[in-house]
């Protein structure tokens, strides 16, 4: 089974392309540029489902057209529109850049205790919303916290602690 920690989000399936089951993906980062993916992983009903890539090509500066094995008509392709698209980290350009360092995504931080700038516990990170440019986390206490690399004061992955430069009274 594929886990979120083995993958990296690359975009969202925005529409079908043509009538042969091709899918257009709006890319959210550049990790795919030098990639040669064997699989495209789609998040369907919050489950990561791998699809073998049979063909892919760029379309403009920020989109890719994918042809996936088993998706050979418009009806099948349409059912995948809106899905989050991911690639295996080992297939992306970042895999070469890290030299053994573990790549972290926002999803990897689910379960971390979130602390405000003054050390106040805001709760445990329960969910992440990356659907907009402003990534938000939700704690088990219902607190919404903005997530951005520049806000991180301390990240202890081993002990699952994330301290952010945000006030305690959100």
N, C-alpha and C. Protein backbone atom coordinates (compact mmCIF):
# COMPACT_ATOMS: atom_id res chain seq x y z
N UNK A 1 0.84 -1.17 0.00
CA UNK A 1 0.00 0.00 0.00
C UNK A 1 0.89 1.25 0.00
N UNK A 2 0.53 2.23 -0.77
CA UNK A 2 1.27 3.47 -0.87
C UNK A 2 0.80 4.42 0.23
N UNK A 3 1.76 5.06 0.90
CA UNK A 3 1.42 6.02 1.94
C UNK A 3 1.75 7.43 1.46
N UNK A 4 1.15 8.43 2.09
CA UNK A 4 1.40 9.82 1.73
C UNK A 4 2.87 10.18 1.86
N UNK A 5 3.56 9.58 2.83
CA UNK A 5 4.96 9.92 3.05
C UNK A 5 5.86 9.44 1.90
N UNK A 6 5.38 8.52 1.09
CA UNK A 6 6.16 8.03 -0.06
C UNK A 6 5.90 8.84 -1.32
N UNK A 7 4.94 9.78 -1.23
CA UNK A 7 4.54 10.53 -2.42
C UNK A 7 4.68 12.03 -2.18
N UNK A 8 4.56 12.76 -3.26
CA UNK A 8 4.56 14.22 -3.18
C UNK A 8 3.45 14.74 -4.09
N UNK A 9 2.69 15.70 -3.57
CA UNK A 9 1.60 16.28 -4.37
C UNK A 9 2.18 17.09 -5.51
N UNK A 10 1.64 16.87 -6.71
CA UNK A 10 2.15 17.60 -7.87
C UNK A 10 1.07 18.45 -8.53
N UNK A 11 -0.19 18.22 -8.22
CA UNK A 11 -1.24 19.02 -8.86
C UNK A 11 -2.62 18.43 -8.67
N UNK A 12 -3.53 18.88 -9.55
CA UNK A 12 -4.92 18.45 -9.50
C UNK A 12 -5.40 18.14 -10.91
N UNK A 13 -6.14 17.04 -11.05
CA UNK A 13 -6.74 16.71 -12.34
C UNK A 13 -7.89 17.70 -12.56
N UNK A 14 -7.77 18.52 -13.60
CA UNK A 14 -8.75 19.59 -13.80
C UNK A 14 -9.82 19.27 -14.83
N UNK A 15 -9.49 18.41 -15.82
CA UNK A 15 -10.50 18.09 -16.84
C UNK A 15 -10.00 16.94 -17.70
N UNK A 16 -10.93 16.43 -18.50
CA UNK A 16 -10.53 15.42 -19.48
C UNK A 16 -9.95 16.15 -20.69
N UNK A 17 -9.25 15.39 -21.52
CA UNK A 17 -8.65 15.97 -22.72
C UNK A 17 -8.91 14.99 -23.86
N UNK A 18 -9.66 15.42 -24.82
CA UNK A 18 -10.00 14.52 -25.93
C UNK A 18 -11.03 13.49 -25.51
N UNK A 19 -11.12 12.41 -26.31
CA UNK A 19 -12.13 11.38 -26.04
C UNK A 19 -11.52 10.00 -25.76
N UNK A 20 -10.21 9.95 -25.63
CA UNK A 20 -9.55 8.67 -25.42
C UNK A 20 -9.13 8.44 -23.97
N UNK A 21 -9.71 9.22 -23.05
CA UNK A 21 -9.43 9.02 -21.63
C UNK A 21 -8.24 9.80 -21.10
N UNK A 22 -7.73 10.74 -21.88
CA UNK A 22 -6.62 11.53 -21.39
C UNK A 22 -7.11 12.52 -20.33
N UNK A 23 -6.21 12.85 -19.40
CA UNK A 23 -6.54 13.75 -18.30
C UNK A 23 -5.57 14.92 -18.28
N UNK A 24 -6.09 16.12 -18.04
CA UNK A 24 -5.24 17.29 -17.91
C UNK A 24 -5.02 17.56 -16.43
N UNK A 25 -3.76 17.76 -16.05
CA UNK A 25 -3.40 18.00 -14.67
C UNK A 25 -2.76 19.38 -14.54
N UNK A 26 -3.31 20.22 -13.68
CA UNK A 26 -2.74 21.53 -13.38
C UNK A 26 -1.68 21.30 -12.31
N UNK A 27 -0.43 21.60 -12.64
CA UNK A 27 0.69 21.30 -11.75
C UNK A 27 0.84 22.39 -10.69
N UNK A 28 1.11 21.96 -9.45
CA UNK A 28 1.25 22.91 -8.35
C UNK A 28 2.71 23.12 -7.94
N UNK A 29 3.62 22.34 -8.49
CA UNK A 29 5.05 22.54 -8.23
C UNK A 29 5.86 22.05 -9.42
N UNK A 30 7.16 22.16 -9.33
CA UNK A 30 8.02 21.82 -10.46
C UNK A 30 8.72 20.48 -10.30
N UNK A 31 8.31 19.69 -9.33
CA UNK A 31 8.97 18.40 -9.08
C UNK A 31 8.84 17.44 -10.26
N UNK A 32 7.87 17.65 -11.10
CA UNK A 32 7.59 16.74 -12.21
C UNK A 32 8.46 17.02 -13.43
N UNK A 33 9.10 18.19 -13.50
CA UNK A 33 9.75 18.62 -14.73
C UNK A 33 10.78 17.63 -15.27
N UNK A 34 11.61 17.06 -14.40
CA UNK A 34 12.62 16.10 -14.84
C UNK A 34 12.25 14.68 -14.48
N UNK A 35 11.01 14.48 -14.09
CA UNK A 35 10.56 13.16 -13.64
C UNK A 35 10.26 12.25 -14.84
N UNK A 36 10.34 10.98 -14.58
CA UNK A 36 9.93 9.98 -15.55
C UNK A 36 9.07 8.97 -14.80
N UNK A 37 7.83 9.37 -14.49
CA UNK A 37 7.01 8.55 -13.60
C UNK A 37 6.46 7.30 -14.28
N UNK A 38 6.55 6.20 -13.55
CA UNK A 38 5.90 4.97 -14.01
C UNK A 38 4.44 4.99 -13.59
N UNK A 39 4.19 5.67 -12.44
CA UNK A 39 2.83 5.72 -11.90
C UNK A 39 2.44 7.16 -11.57
N UNK A 40 1.18 7.46 -11.74
CA UNK A 40 0.56 8.68 -11.23
C UNK A 40 -0.37 8.19 -10.13
N UNK A 41 -0.24 8.77 -8.96
CA UNK A 41 -1.06 8.36 -7.83
C UNK A 41 -2.15 9.41 -7.64
N UNK A 42 -3.40 8.98 -7.63
CA UNK A 42 -4.52 9.89 -7.45
C UNK A 42 -5.17 9.62 -6.10
N UNK A 43 -5.51 10.70 -5.40
CA UNK A 43 -6.22 10.57 -4.13
C UNK A 43 -7.72 10.53 -4.46
N UNK A 44 -8.31 9.34 -4.30
CA UNK A 44 -9.73 9.13 -4.60
C UNK A 44 -10.40 8.67 -3.31
N UNK A 45 -11.38 9.43 -2.85
CA UNK A 45 -12.06 9.14 -1.58
C UNK A 45 -11.04 8.98 -0.45
N UNK A 46 -10.03 9.84 -0.46
CA UNK A 46 -8.95 9.88 0.53
C UNK A 46 -8.10 8.61 0.55
N UNK A 47 -8.09 7.87 -0.55
CA UNK A 47 -7.25 6.68 -0.70
C UNK A 47 -6.31 6.93 -1.87
N UNK A 48 -5.03 6.61 -1.69
CA UNK A 48 -4.06 6.78 -2.77
C UNK A 48 -4.13 5.59 -3.72
N UNK A 49 -4.47 5.88 -4.98
CA UNK A 49 -4.66 4.84 -5.98
C UNK A 49 -3.65 5.05 -7.11
N UNK A 50 -2.75 4.07 -7.34
CA UNK A 50 -1.76 4.23 -8.40
C UNK A 50 -2.33 3.84 -9.77
N UNK A 51 -1.98 4.62 -10.79
CA UNK A 51 -2.34 4.32 -12.17
C UNK A 51 -1.04 4.32 -12.98
N UNK A 52 -0.85 3.29 -13.78
CA UNK A 52 0.34 3.23 -14.64
C UNK A 52 0.22 4.28 -15.73
N UNK A 53 1.27 5.08 -15.88
CA UNK A 53 1.31 6.12 -16.90
C UNK A 53 1.75 5.48 -18.21
N UNK A 54 0.91 5.54 -19.24
CA UNK A 54 1.29 4.99 -20.54
C UNK A 54 1.87 6.06 -21.46
N UNK A 55 1.47 7.32 -21.21
CA UNK A 55 2.01 8.42 -22.00
C UNK A 55 1.73 9.72 -21.26
N UNK A 56 2.60 10.70 -21.44
CA UNK A 56 2.36 12.02 -20.88
C UNK A 56 3.14 13.05 -21.67
N UNK A 57 2.58 14.26 -21.70
CA UNK A 57 3.23 15.35 -22.41
C UNK A 57 2.81 16.67 -21.77
N UNK A 58 3.68 17.64 -21.92
CA UNK A 58 3.39 18.96 -21.36
C UNK A 58 2.35 19.69 -22.19
N UNK A 59 1.61 20.56 -21.52
CA UNK A 59 0.66 21.43 -22.22
C UNK A 59 0.78 22.80 -21.56
N UNK A 60 1.46 23.70 -22.22
CA UNK A 60 1.70 25.01 -21.64
C UNK A 60 2.73 24.93 -20.53
N UNK A 61 2.79 25.99 -19.74
CA UNK A 61 3.82 26.09 -18.70
C UNK A 61 3.46 25.33 -17.42
N UNK A 62 2.17 25.08 -17.20
CA UNK A 62 1.80 24.51 -15.91
C UNK A 62 0.81 23.35 -15.98
N UNK A 63 0.70 22.71 -17.12
CA UNK A 63 -0.22 21.57 -17.23
C UNK A 63 0.45 20.40 -17.94
N UNK A 64 -0.01 19.21 -17.60
CA UNK A 64 0.44 17.99 -18.26
C UNK A 64 -0.79 17.19 -18.66
N UNK A 65 -0.70 16.55 -19.81
CA UNK A 65 -1.74 15.64 -20.26
C UNK A 65 -1.23 14.22 -19.98
N UNK A 66 -2.00 13.46 -19.20
CA UNK A 66 -1.64 12.08 -18.86
C UNK A 66 -2.57 11.10 -19.56
N UNK A 67 -2.00 10.01 -20.04
CA UNK A 67 -2.78 8.85 -20.49
C UNK A 67 -2.45 7.74 -19.50
N UNK A 68 -3.47 7.19 -18.86
CA UNK A 68 -3.28 6.17 -17.83
C UNK A 68 -3.83 4.83 -18.29
N UNK A 69 -3.15 3.77 -17.92
CA UNK A 69 -3.60 2.43 -18.27
C UNK A 69 -4.98 2.18 -17.68
N UNK A 70 -5.87 1.63 -18.48
CA UNK A 70 -7.22 1.30 -18.04
C UNK A 70 -8.20 2.46 -18.14
N UNK A 71 -7.71 3.65 -18.39
CA UNK A 71 -8.59 4.82 -18.56
C UNK A 71 -8.58 5.13 -20.05
N UNK A 72 -9.57 4.56 -20.76
CA UNK A 72 -9.53 4.63 -22.23
C UNK A 72 -10.74 5.30 -22.86
N UNK A 73 -11.57 5.93 -22.02
CA UNK A 73 -12.70 6.68 -22.59
C UNK A 73 -13.02 7.88 -21.70
N UNK A 74 -13.83 8.76 -22.25
CA UNK A 74 -14.15 10.01 -21.57
C UNK A 74 -14.90 9.77 -20.26
N UNK A 75 -15.75 8.77 -20.22
CA UNK A 75 -16.54 8.48 -19.02
C UNK A 75 -15.64 8.09 -17.84
N UNK A 76 -14.69 7.20 -18.09
CA UNK A 76 -13.76 6.79 -17.04
C UNK A 76 -12.90 7.96 -16.60
N UNK A 77 -12.43 8.74 -17.55
CA UNK A 77 -11.58 9.89 -17.24
C UNK A 77 -12.34 10.93 -16.43
N UNK A 78 -13.59 11.17 -16.77
CA UNK A 78 -14.40 12.17 -16.08
C UNK A 78 -14.55 11.85 -14.60
N UNK A 79 -14.57 10.57 -14.25
CA UNK A 79 -14.72 10.18 -12.85
C UNK A 79 -13.49 10.55 -12.01
N UNK A 80 -12.37 10.86 -12.66
CA UNK A 80 -11.14 11.19 -11.95
C UNK A 80 -10.90 12.70 -11.84
N UNK A 81 -11.71 13.49 -12.53
CA UNK A 81 -11.54 14.94 -12.50
C UNK A 81 -11.75 15.45 -11.06
N UNK A 82 -10.87 16.33 -10.63
CA UNK A 82 -10.92 16.87 -9.27
C UNK A 82 -10.01 16.14 -8.29
N UNK A 83 -9.45 15.01 -8.71
CA UNK A 83 -8.57 14.24 -7.84
C UNK A 83 -7.22 14.93 -7.66
N UNK A 84 -6.67 14.82 -6.46
CA UNK A 84 -5.31 15.29 -6.21
C UNK A 84 -4.35 14.33 -6.90
N UNK A 85 -3.38 14.87 -7.63
CA UNK A 85 -2.38 14.06 -8.32
C UNK A 85 -1.08 14.07 -7.53
N UNK A 86 -0.48 12.89 -7.40
CA UNK A 86 0.77 12.74 -6.66
C UNK A 86 1.72 11.86 -7.46
N UNK A 87 2.99 11.96 -7.18
CA UNK A 87 4.00 11.07 -7.75
C UNK A 87 4.80 10.47 -6.60
N UNK A 88 5.39 9.33 -6.86
CA UNK A 88 6.29 8.76 -5.88
C UNK A 88 7.50 9.68 -5.76
N UNK A 89 7.93 9.93 -4.53
CA UNK A 89 9.08 10.81 -4.32
C UNK A 89 10.31 10.32 -5.07
N UNK A 90 10.46 9.01 -5.15
CA UNK A 90 11.65 8.46 -5.81
C UNK A 90 11.67 8.76 -7.31
N UNK A 91 10.52 9.11 -7.89
CA UNK A 91 10.43 9.42 -9.32
C UNK A 91 10.60 10.90 -9.63
N UNK A 92 10.71 11.75 -8.62
CA UNK A 92 10.77 13.19 -8.86
C UNK A 92 12.21 13.68 -8.83
N UNK A 93 12.39 14.90 -9.32
CA UNK A 93 13.71 15.52 -9.32
C UNK A 93 14.22 15.74 -7.91
N UNK A 94 13.32 15.89 -6.93
CA UNK A 94 13.75 16.11 -5.55
C UNK A 94 14.45 14.90 -4.97
N UNK A 95 14.15 13.72 -5.49
CA UNK A 95 14.79 12.51 -4.96
C UNK A 95 16.29 12.58 -5.12
N UNK A 96 16.77 13.17 -6.21
CA UNK A 96 18.21 13.28 -6.44
C UNK A 96 18.82 14.39 -5.60
N UNK A 97 18.06 15.45 -5.33
CA UNK A 97 18.58 16.60 -4.62
C UNK A 97 18.75 16.37 -3.13
N UNK A 98 18.06 15.41 -2.57
CA UNK A 98 18.05 15.27 -1.12
C UNK A 98 19.20 14.42 -0.60
N UNK A 99 19.79 13.59 -1.42
CA UNK A 99 20.91 12.73 -1.02
C UNK A 99 20.61 12.00 0.28
N UNK A 100 19.50 11.33 0.34
CA UNK A 100 19.16 10.52 1.50
C UNK A 100 18.31 11.23 2.54
N UNK A 101 18.20 12.56 2.48
CA UNK A 101 17.33 13.26 3.41
C UNK A 101 15.89 12.91 3.11
N UNK A 102 15.08 12.84 4.15
CA UNK A 102 13.66 12.53 3.96
C UNK A 102 12.92 13.78 3.51
N UNK A 103 12.11 13.64 2.47
CA UNK A 103 11.27 14.74 2.01
C UNK A 103 10.00 14.76 2.85
N UNK A 104 9.62 15.94 3.30
CA UNK A 104 8.40 16.06 4.07
C UNK A 104 7.38 16.87 3.29
N UNK A 105 6.14 16.46 3.41
CA UNK A 105 5.04 17.23 2.86
C UNK A 105 4.19 17.68 4.04
N UNK A 106 3.26 18.58 3.79
CA UNK A 106 2.37 19.01 4.87
C UNK A 106 1.61 17.82 5.43
N UNK A 107 1.22 16.89 4.57
CA UNK A 107 0.47 15.71 5.03
C UNK A 107 1.25 14.87 6.04
N UNK A 108 2.59 14.91 5.93
CA UNK A 108 3.43 14.15 6.86
C UNK A 108 3.35 14.71 8.28
N UNK A 109 2.87 15.93 8.44
CA UNK A 109 2.81 16.56 9.76
C UNK A 109 1.53 16.27 10.52
N UNK A 110 0.59 15.56 9.89
CA UNK A 110 -0.63 15.18 10.60
C UNK A 110 -0.24 14.33 11.80
N UNK A 111 -0.79 14.68 12.96
CA UNK A 111 -0.46 13.98 14.20
C UNK A 111 0.52 14.76 15.07
N UNK A 112 1.09 15.83 14.53
CA UNK A 112 2.01 16.67 15.32
C UNK A 112 1.22 17.56 16.28
N UNK A 113 1.79 17.78 17.46
CA UNK A 113 1.24 18.76 18.37
C UNK A 113 1.63 20.13 17.85
N UNK A 114 0.66 21.03 17.74
CA UNK A 114 0.91 22.37 17.22
C UNK A 114 1.00 23.35 18.38
N UNK A 115 2.13 24.06 18.44
CA UNK A 115 2.37 25.05 19.49
C UNK A 115 2.40 26.43 18.88
N UNK A 116 1.84 27.41 19.60
CA UNK A 116 1.91 28.81 19.18
C UNK A 116 3.30 29.35 19.51
N UNK A 117 3.55 30.59 19.13
CA UNK A 117 4.85 31.21 19.34
C UNK A 117 5.25 31.22 20.82
N UNK A 118 4.27 31.34 21.72
CA UNK A 118 4.57 31.37 23.16
C UNK A 118 4.58 29.98 23.80
N UNK A 119 4.42 28.93 23.00
CA UNK A 119 4.44 27.57 23.52
C UNK A 119 3.08 27.01 23.89
N UNK A 120 2.03 27.79 23.72
CA UNK A 120 0.67 27.32 24.02
C UNK A 120 0.27 26.22 23.04
N UNK A 121 -0.25 25.11 23.59
CA UNK A 121 -0.69 23.99 22.76
C UNK A 121 -2.01 24.36 22.09
N UNK A 122 -2.02 24.35 20.74
CA UNK A 122 -3.23 24.64 19.97
C UNK A 122 -3.99 23.36 19.63
N UNK A 123 -3.38 22.22 19.84
CA UNK A 123 -4.00 20.94 19.55
C UNK A 123 -3.09 20.08 18.70
N UNK A 124 -3.62 18.94 18.29
CA UNK A 124 -2.89 18.01 17.43
C UNK A 124 -3.39 18.18 16.01
N UNK A 125 -2.48 18.31 15.08
CA UNK A 125 -2.84 18.52 13.67
C UNK A 125 -3.61 17.31 13.17
N UNK A 126 -4.87 17.52 12.78
CA UNK A 126 -5.75 16.42 12.38
C UNK A 126 -5.98 16.37 10.88
N UNK A 127 -5.92 17.52 10.20
CA UNK A 127 -6.20 17.56 8.76
C UNK A 127 -5.45 18.73 8.13
N UNK A 128 -5.18 18.59 6.83
CA UNK A 128 -4.50 19.62 6.06
C UNK A 128 -5.34 19.91 4.83
N UNK A 129 -5.53 21.20 4.53
CA UNK A 129 -6.24 21.61 3.33
C UNK A 129 -5.26 22.34 2.42
N UNK A 130 -4.87 21.69 1.32
CA UNK A 130 -3.94 22.27 0.37
C UNK A 130 -4.65 22.65 -0.93
N UNK A 131 -5.97 22.82 -0.86
CA UNK A 131 -6.74 23.08 -2.07
C UNK A 131 -6.59 24.51 -2.59
N UNK A 132 -6.04 25.40 -1.77
CA UNK A 132 -5.80 26.78 -2.21
C UNK A 132 -4.34 27.11 -2.01
N UNK A 133 -3.93 28.29 -2.41
CA UNK A 133 -2.54 28.71 -2.21
C UNK A 133 -2.21 28.86 -0.74
N UNK A 134 -3.19 29.14 0.10
CA UNK A 134 -2.99 29.28 1.54
C UNK A 134 -3.30 27.96 2.21
N UNK A 135 -2.26 27.19 2.51
CA UNK A 135 -2.43 25.90 3.15
C UNK A 135 -2.85 26.10 4.60
N UNK A 136 -3.90 25.38 5.01
CA UNK A 136 -4.42 25.47 6.36
C UNK A 136 -4.42 24.11 7.02
N UNK A 137 -4.10 24.10 8.30
CA UNK A 137 -4.20 22.89 9.10
C UNK A 137 -5.36 23.04 10.08
N UNK A 138 -5.97 21.93 10.43
CA UNK A 138 -7.03 21.92 11.42
C UNK A 138 -6.59 21.02 12.56
N UNK A 139 -6.67 21.53 13.79
CA UNK A 139 -6.29 20.70 14.94
C UNK A 139 -7.50 19.94 15.44
N UNK A 140 -7.23 18.98 16.31
CA UNK A 140 -8.32 18.19 16.90
C UNK A 140 -9.23 19.05 17.78
N UNK A 141 -8.77 20.25 18.12
CA UNK A 141 -9.59 21.18 18.91
C UNK A 141 -10.38 22.13 18.02
N UNK A 142 -10.31 21.93 16.70
CA UNK A 142 -11.05 22.76 15.77
C UNK A 142 -10.37 24.06 15.41
N UNK A 143 -9.14 24.24 15.81
CA UNK A 143 -8.40 25.46 15.53
C UNK A 143 -7.81 25.40 14.12
N UNK A 144 -8.05 26.45 13.32
CA UNK A 144 -7.44 26.56 12.00
C UNK A 144 -6.11 27.27 12.13
N UNK A 145 -5.05 26.67 11.58
CA UNK A 145 -3.72 27.28 11.65
C UNK A 145 -3.15 27.40 10.24
N UNK A 146 -2.58 28.58 9.93
CA UNK A 146 -1.95 28.74 8.63
C UNK A 146 -0.64 27.95 8.60
N UNK A 147 -0.37 27.31 7.47
CA UNK A 147 0.86 26.54 7.34
C UNK A 147 1.69 27.11 6.19
N UNK A 148 2.89 27.52 6.53
CA UNK A 148 3.83 28.04 5.54
C UNK A 148 5.22 27.83 6.12
N UNK A 149 6.17 27.51 5.26
CA UNK A 149 7.54 27.25 5.73
C UNK A 149 8.09 28.38 6.57
N UNK A 150 7.77 29.62 6.22
CA UNK A 150 8.31 30.78 6.94
C UNK A 150 7.72 30.92 8.35
N UNK A 151 6.62 30.23 8.64
CA UNK A 151 6.00 30.31 9.96
C UNK A 151 6.56 29.27 10.93
N UNK A 152 7.33 28.31 10.44
CA UNK A 152 7.83 27.24 11.30
C UNK A 152 8.99 27.74 12.16
N UNK A 153 8.80 27.68 13.48
CA UNK A 153 9.87 28.02 14.41
C UNK A 153 10.65 26.78 14.82
N UNK A 154 9.93 25.68 14.98
CA UNK A 154 10.55 24.44 15.42
C UNK A 154 9.76 23.27 14.83
N UNK A 155 10.48 22.30 14.31
CA UNK A 155 9.84 21.08 13.82
C UNK A 155 10.65 19.90 14.32
N UNK A 156 10.03 19.12 15.18
CA UNK A 156 10.65 17.92 15.72
C UNK A 156 9.81 16.74 15.23
N UNK A 157 10.24 16.17 14.10
CA UNK A 157 9.47 15.10 13.47
C UNK A 157 9.41 13.87 14.37
N UNK A 158 10.52 13.56 15.00
CA UNK A 158 10.60 12.37 15.84
C UNK A 158 9.60 12.43 17.00
N UNK A 159 9.49 13.60 17.65
CA UNK A 159 8.58 13.76 18.78
C UNK A 159 7.23 14.36 18.39
N UNK A 160 7.04 14.58 17.06
CA UNK A 160 5.77 15.09 16.53
C UNK A 160 5.37 16.43 17.15
N UNK A 161 6.30 17.41 17.09
CA UNK A 161 6.04 18.74 17.61
C UNK A 161 6.29 19.76 16.51
N UNK A 162 5.32 20.66 16.31
CA UNK A 162 5.42 21.72 15.32
C UNK A 162 5.09 23.03 16.01
N UNK A 163 6.11 23.91 16.12
CA UNK A 163 5.87 25.22 16.72
C UNK A 163 5.87 26.26 15.61
N UNK A 164 4.82 27.06 15.59
CA UNK A 164 4.63 28.06 14.54
C UNK A 164 4.71 29.46 15.10
N UNK A 165 5.14 30.39 14.27
CA UNK A 165 5.21 31.80 14.66
C UNK A 165 3.84 32.44 14.45
N UNK A 166 2.89 31.98 15.27
CA UNK A 166 1.52 32.50 15.24
C UNK A 166 1.06 32.73 16.68
N UNK A 167 0.14 33.67 16.89
CA UNK A 167 -0.34 33.91 18.27
C UNK A 167 -1.24 32.77 18.75
N UNK A 168 -1.35 32.65 20.07
CA UNK A 168 -2.16 31.57 20.67
C UNK A 168 -3.65 31.84 20.54
N UNK A 169 -4.05 33.08 20.31
CA UNK A 169 -5.47 33.42 20.30
C UNK A 169 -6.02 33.50 18.87
N UNK A 170 -5.85 32.44 18.10
CA UNK A 170 -6.36 32.42 16.72
C UNK A 170 -7.85 32.35 16.69
